[in-house]
């Protein structure tokens, strides 16, 4: 079981880029009283990588590395918008940011490049990378903030099938409690976070892939 001081990992969807709700979510997240790490989505920067791939012809391994750098670009945007976010490129840097009472904002490229358990595929987006980081950090939970809603108790297999999360997420989640926060979660998010409670619908983490 995670300790009472285990961090909450929140993936802030790239689809919120340019949305008026982005500022509201960031304000709500600042209410969380315990260690918090934000994982940025790729947003329009990752969309540009995907759109350019057919014309340029680079392979998926290269595209994946570029998409991870796109997450870094979004991280820089978020850090510029909110002074209380501290950019962190390593596990030690994340822990140090938490020790200073700051919200860690993950720059993923160095850790992802050094990992041998992350598949360089479009199936592995910021959703799965957030789950990977949550496991590495011993997180109490992972919240994915999206621009769509799902019902409380929805099955992991269901949200994978509907394309709400990426196909590889079950492989990286590995038992971490999962919540999905959409637009309907925002009105209560600040109050929940202030009480140390992850916002969003609880997702039933049943595996989608059959064991070999």
Protein backbone atom coordinates (compact mmCIF):
# COMPACT_ATOMS: atom_id res chain seq x y z
CA UNK A 1 0.00 0.00 0.00
CA UNK A 2 1.28 3.54 -0.75
CA UNK A 3 2.31 5.59 2.30
CA UNK A 4 0.19 8.50 3.48
CA UNK A 5 2.82 10.78 1.96
CA UNK A 6 2.79 9.00 -1.39
CA UNK A 7 2.43 11.51 -4.22
CA UNK A 8 -0.60 11.97 -6.40
CA UNK A 9 0.25 11.92 -10.10
CA UNK A 10 -2.02 13.94 -12.37
CA UNK A 11 -1.81 13.85 -16.15
CA UNK A 12 -3.06 17.16 -17.54
CA UNK A 13 -4.44 16.41 -20.98
CA UNK A 14 -3.04 18.20 -23.96
CA UNK A 15 -6.61 18.61 -25.22
CA UNK A 16 -7.05 21.32 -22.56
CA UNK A 17 -4.44 23.49 -24.29
CA UNK A 18 -6.15 26.79 -25.08
CA UNK A 19 -9.28 25.83 -23.13
CA UNK A 20 -10.65 28.25 -20.53
CA UNK A 21 -10.88 25.28 -18.14
CA UNK A 22 -7.08 24.86 -18.06
CA UNK A 23 -6.64 27.76 -15.64
CA UNK A 24 -9.45 26.41 -13.45
CA UNK A 25 -7.83 22.98 -13.27
CA UNK A 26 -4.45 24.47 -12.40
CA UNK A 27 -6.04 26.57 -9.66
CA UNK A 28 -7.78 23.48 -8.26
CA UNK A 29 -4.58 21.40 -8.32
CA UNK A 30 -2.77 24.02 -6.25
CA UNK A 31 -5.19 23.20 -3.41
CA UNK A 32 -3.78 19.69 -2.98
CA UNK A 33 -1.99 19.59 0.40
CA UNK A 34 0.33 16.63 -0.21
CA UNK A 35 3.04 15.83 -2.80
CA UNK A 36 1.73 16.30 -6.33
CA UNK A 37 3.34 15.64 -9.70
CA UNK A 38 1.80 16.87 -12.94
CA UNK A 39 2.48 15.01 -16.18
CA UNK A 40 1.85 17.19 -19.25
CA UNK A 41 0.10 15.86 -22.31
CA UNK A 42 1.47 16.54 -25.75
CA UNK A 43 -1.27 18.87 -26.96
CA UNK A 44 -0.80 20.62 -30.30
CA UNK A 45 2.92 19.90 -30.18
CA UNK A 46 2.35 16.12 -30.34
CA UNK A 47 -0.34 16.66 -32.97
CA UNK A 48 2.30 18.34 -35.12
CA UNK A 49 4.60 15.32 -34.78
CA UNK A 50 1.82 12.96 -35.82
CA UNK A 51 0.76 15.15 -38.75
CA UNK A 52 4.30 15.50 -40.11
CA UNK A 53 5.20 11.80 -39.94
CA UNK A 54 3.56 10.64 -43.21
CA UNK A 55 5.21 13.36 -45.29
CA UNK A 56 8.62 13.14 -43.62
CA UNK A 57 8.66 9.35 -43.34
CA UNK A 58 10.32 9.00 -39.94
CA UNK A 59 9.64 5.75 -38.09
CA UNK A 60 7.54 5.27 -34.96
CA UNK A 61 10.58 5.11 -32.69
CA UNK A 62 11.61 8.57 -33.88
CA UNK A 63 8.03 9.81 -33.71
CA UNK A 64 7.71 8.59 -30.14
CA UNK A 65 10.87 10.41 -29.06
CA UNK A 66 9.58 13.56 -30.75
CA UNK A 67 6.18 13.20 -29.06
CA UNK A 68 7.89 12.93 -25.66
CA UNK A 69 9.71 16.16 -26.48
CA UNK A 70 6.29 17.61 -27.33
CA UNK A 71 5.26 16.86 -23.74
CA UNK A 72 8.29 18.85 -22.63
CA UNK A 73 7.13 21.78 -24.74
CA UNK A 74 3.74 21.69 -23.05
CA UNK A 75 5.50 21.47 -19.67
CA UNK A 76 7.38 24.68 -20.48
CA UNK A 77 4.08 26.37 -21.35
CA UNK A 78 2.52 25.29 -18.05
CA UNK A 79 5.57 26.34 -16.03
CA UNK A 80 5.37 29.77 -17.64
CA UNK A 81 1.69 30.08 -16.69
CA UNK A 82 1.95 28.95 -13.04
CA UNK A 83 4.83 30.00 -10.78
CA UNK A 84 4.17 27.22 -8.26
CA UNK A 85 5.06 24.50 -10.77
CA UNK A 86 8.66 23.30 -10.67
CA UNK A 87 10.10 21.57 -13.73
CA UNK A 88 11.66 18.22 -12.81
CA UNK A 89 13.47 15.84 -15.16
CA UNK A 90 14.40 13.04 -12.74
CA UNK A 91 12.99 11.11 -9.82
CA UNK A 92 15.35 12.92 -7.45
CA UNK A 93 14.28 16.30 -8.84
CA UNK A 94 10.63 15.39 -8.34
CA UNK A 95 11.27 14.37 -4.73
CA UNK A 96 13.26 17.56 -4.12
CA UNK A 97 10.44 19.71 -5.52
CA UNK A 98 7.98 17.98 -3.19
CA UNK A 99 10.33 18.53 -0.24
CA UNK A 100 10.24 22.26 -0.98
CA UNK A 101 6.44 22.20 -0.96
CA UNK A 102 6.28 22.70 -4.72
CA UNK A 103 4.24 20.93 -7.38
CA UNK A 104 6.58 18.91 -9.58
CA UNK A 105 6.03 19.30 -13.33
CA UNK A 106 7.58 16.36 -15.11
CA UNK A 107 9.94 16.81 -18.06
CA UNK A 108 9.86 13.21 -19.29
CA UNK A 109 12.43 12.92 -22.06
CA UNK A 110 15.51 11.95 -20.01
CA UNK A 111 13.73 9.31 -17.92
CA UNK A 112 11.87 7.89 -20.90
CA UNK A 113 15.03 7.71 -23.02
CA UNK A 114 16.81 5.81 -20.24
CA UNK A 115 13.96 3.35 -19.65
CA UNK A 116 14.06 -0.11 -21.18
CA UNK A 117 10.44 -0.89 -20.30
CA UNK A 118 8.73 1.77 -22.43
CA UNK A 119 7.72 0.76 -25.95
CA UNK A 120 8.42 3.46 -28.58
CA UNK A 121 4.96 3.31 -30.13
CA UNK A 122 1.98 5.59 -30.74
CA UNK A 123 0.11 3.18 -28.42
CA UNK A 124 2.19 4.64 -25.58
CA UNK A 125 1.07 8.23 -25.12
CA UNK A 126 1.24 10.54 -22.12
CA UNK A 127 -1.50 8.41 -20.47
CA UNK A 128 0.80 5.39 -20.26
CA UNK A 129 3.84 7.49 -19.42
CA UNK A 130 1.91 9.01 -16.50
CA UNK A 131 1.05 5.50 -15.31
CA UNK A 132 4.69 4.44 -15.68
CA UNK A 133 5.82 7.43 -13.59
CA UNK A 134 3.11 6.82 -11.00
CA UNK A 135 4.41 3.29 -10.50
CA UNK A 136 8.03 4.48 -10.28
CA UNK A 137 7.09 7.08 -7.67
CA UNK A 138 4.88 4.77 -5.60
CA UNK A 139 1.94 7.10 -6.20
CA UNK A 140 -1.23 6.88 -4.15
CA UNK A 141 -3.26 7.30 -7.34
CA UNK A 142 -3.20 8.51 -10.93
CA UNK A 143 -5.75 11.03 -12.17
CA UNK A 144 -6.09 11.63 -15.91
CA UNK A 145 -7.65 15.03 -16.62
CA UNK A 146 -9.42 14.83 -19.97
CA UNK A 147 -11.90 16.84 -22.02
CA UNK A 148 -14.44 13.97 -21.88
CA UNK A 149 -16.39 12.35 -19.03
CA UNK A 150 -16.87 8.71 -18.10
CA UNK A 151 -19.09 7.17 -15.46
CA UNK A 152 -17.84 6.19 -12.02
CA UNK A 153 -16.83 2.55 -11.97
CA UNK A 154 -16.25 2.35 -15.72
CA UNK A 155 -14.04 -0.55 -16.70
CA UNK A 156 -10.51 0.09 -17.90
CA UNK A 157 -11.23 -2.15 -20.87
CA UNK A 158 -14.20 0.03 -21.77
CA UNK A 159 -12.34 3.32 -21.79
CA UNK A 160 -9.51 1.74 -23.80
CA UNK A 161 -12.01 0.41 -26.36
CA UNK A 162 -13.63 3.83 -26.67
CA UNK A 163 -10.26 5.52 -27.23
CA UNK A 164 -10.54 7.66 -24.10
CA UNK A 165 -7.11 6.41 -23.01
CA UNK A 166 -4.29 4.88 -25.00
CA UNK A 167 -4.18 1.12 -25.72
CA UNK A 168 -1.02 0.50 -23.69
CA UNK A 169 -2.30 2.00 -20.43
CA UNK A 170 -3.25 -1.37 -18.83
CA UNK A 171 0.34 -2.58 -19.33
CA UNK A 172 1.79 0.36 -17.41
CA UNK A 173 -0.86 0.95 -14.73
CA UNK A 174 0.03 -2.17 -12.75
CA UNK A 175 -2.54 -1.71 -9.98
CA UNK A 176 -2.25 2.02 -9.38
CA UNK A 177 -5.73 3.40 -8.50
CA UNK A 178 -7.02 5.28 -11.55
CA UNK A 179 -9.39 8.23 -11.77
CA UNK A 180 -10.58 10.02 -14.89
CA UNK A 181 -11.61 13.64 -14.47
CA UNK A 182 -13.62 15.28 -17.22
CA UNK A 183 -15.57 18.55 -17.44
CA UNK A 184 -18.22 17.39 -14.96
CA UNK A 185 -15.51 16.79 -12.33
CA UNK A 186 -14.23 20.36 -12.38
CA UNK A 187 -16.87 22.08 -10.17
CA UNK A 188 -16.01 19.85 -7.17
CA UNK A 189 -12.33 19.36 -7.95
CA UNK A 190 -10.89 22.15 -5.80
CA UNK A 191 -12.80 21.04 -2.70
CA UNK A 192 -11.86 17.39 -3.19
CA UNK A 193 -8.21 18.17 -3.81
CA UNK A 194 -8.11 20.42 -0.74
CA UNK A 195 -9.23 17.38 1.26
CA UNK A 196 -6.52 15.23 -0.33
CA UNK A 197 -8.97 13.34 -2.54
CA UNK A 198 -8.27 12.73 -6.26
CA UNK A 199 -11.03 14.17 -8.44
CA UNK A 200 -12.80 12.24 -11.17
CA UNK A 201 -14.57 8.96 -11.78
CA UNK A 202 -12.95 5.88 -10.28
CA UNK A 203 -11.99 3.39 -13.00
CA UNK A 204 -12.14 -0.34 -12.32
CA UNK A 205 -8.61 -1.44 -13.16
CA UNK A 206 -9.24 -4.83 -14.71
CA UNK A 207 -6.67 -5.85 -17.34
CA UNK A 208 -7.70 -5.72 -20.96
CA UNK A 209 -5.01 -8.00 -22.32
CA UNK A 210 -5.08 -11.76 -21.94
CA UNK A 211 -2.07 -13.29 -20.23
CA UNK A 212 0.17 -15.46 -22.36
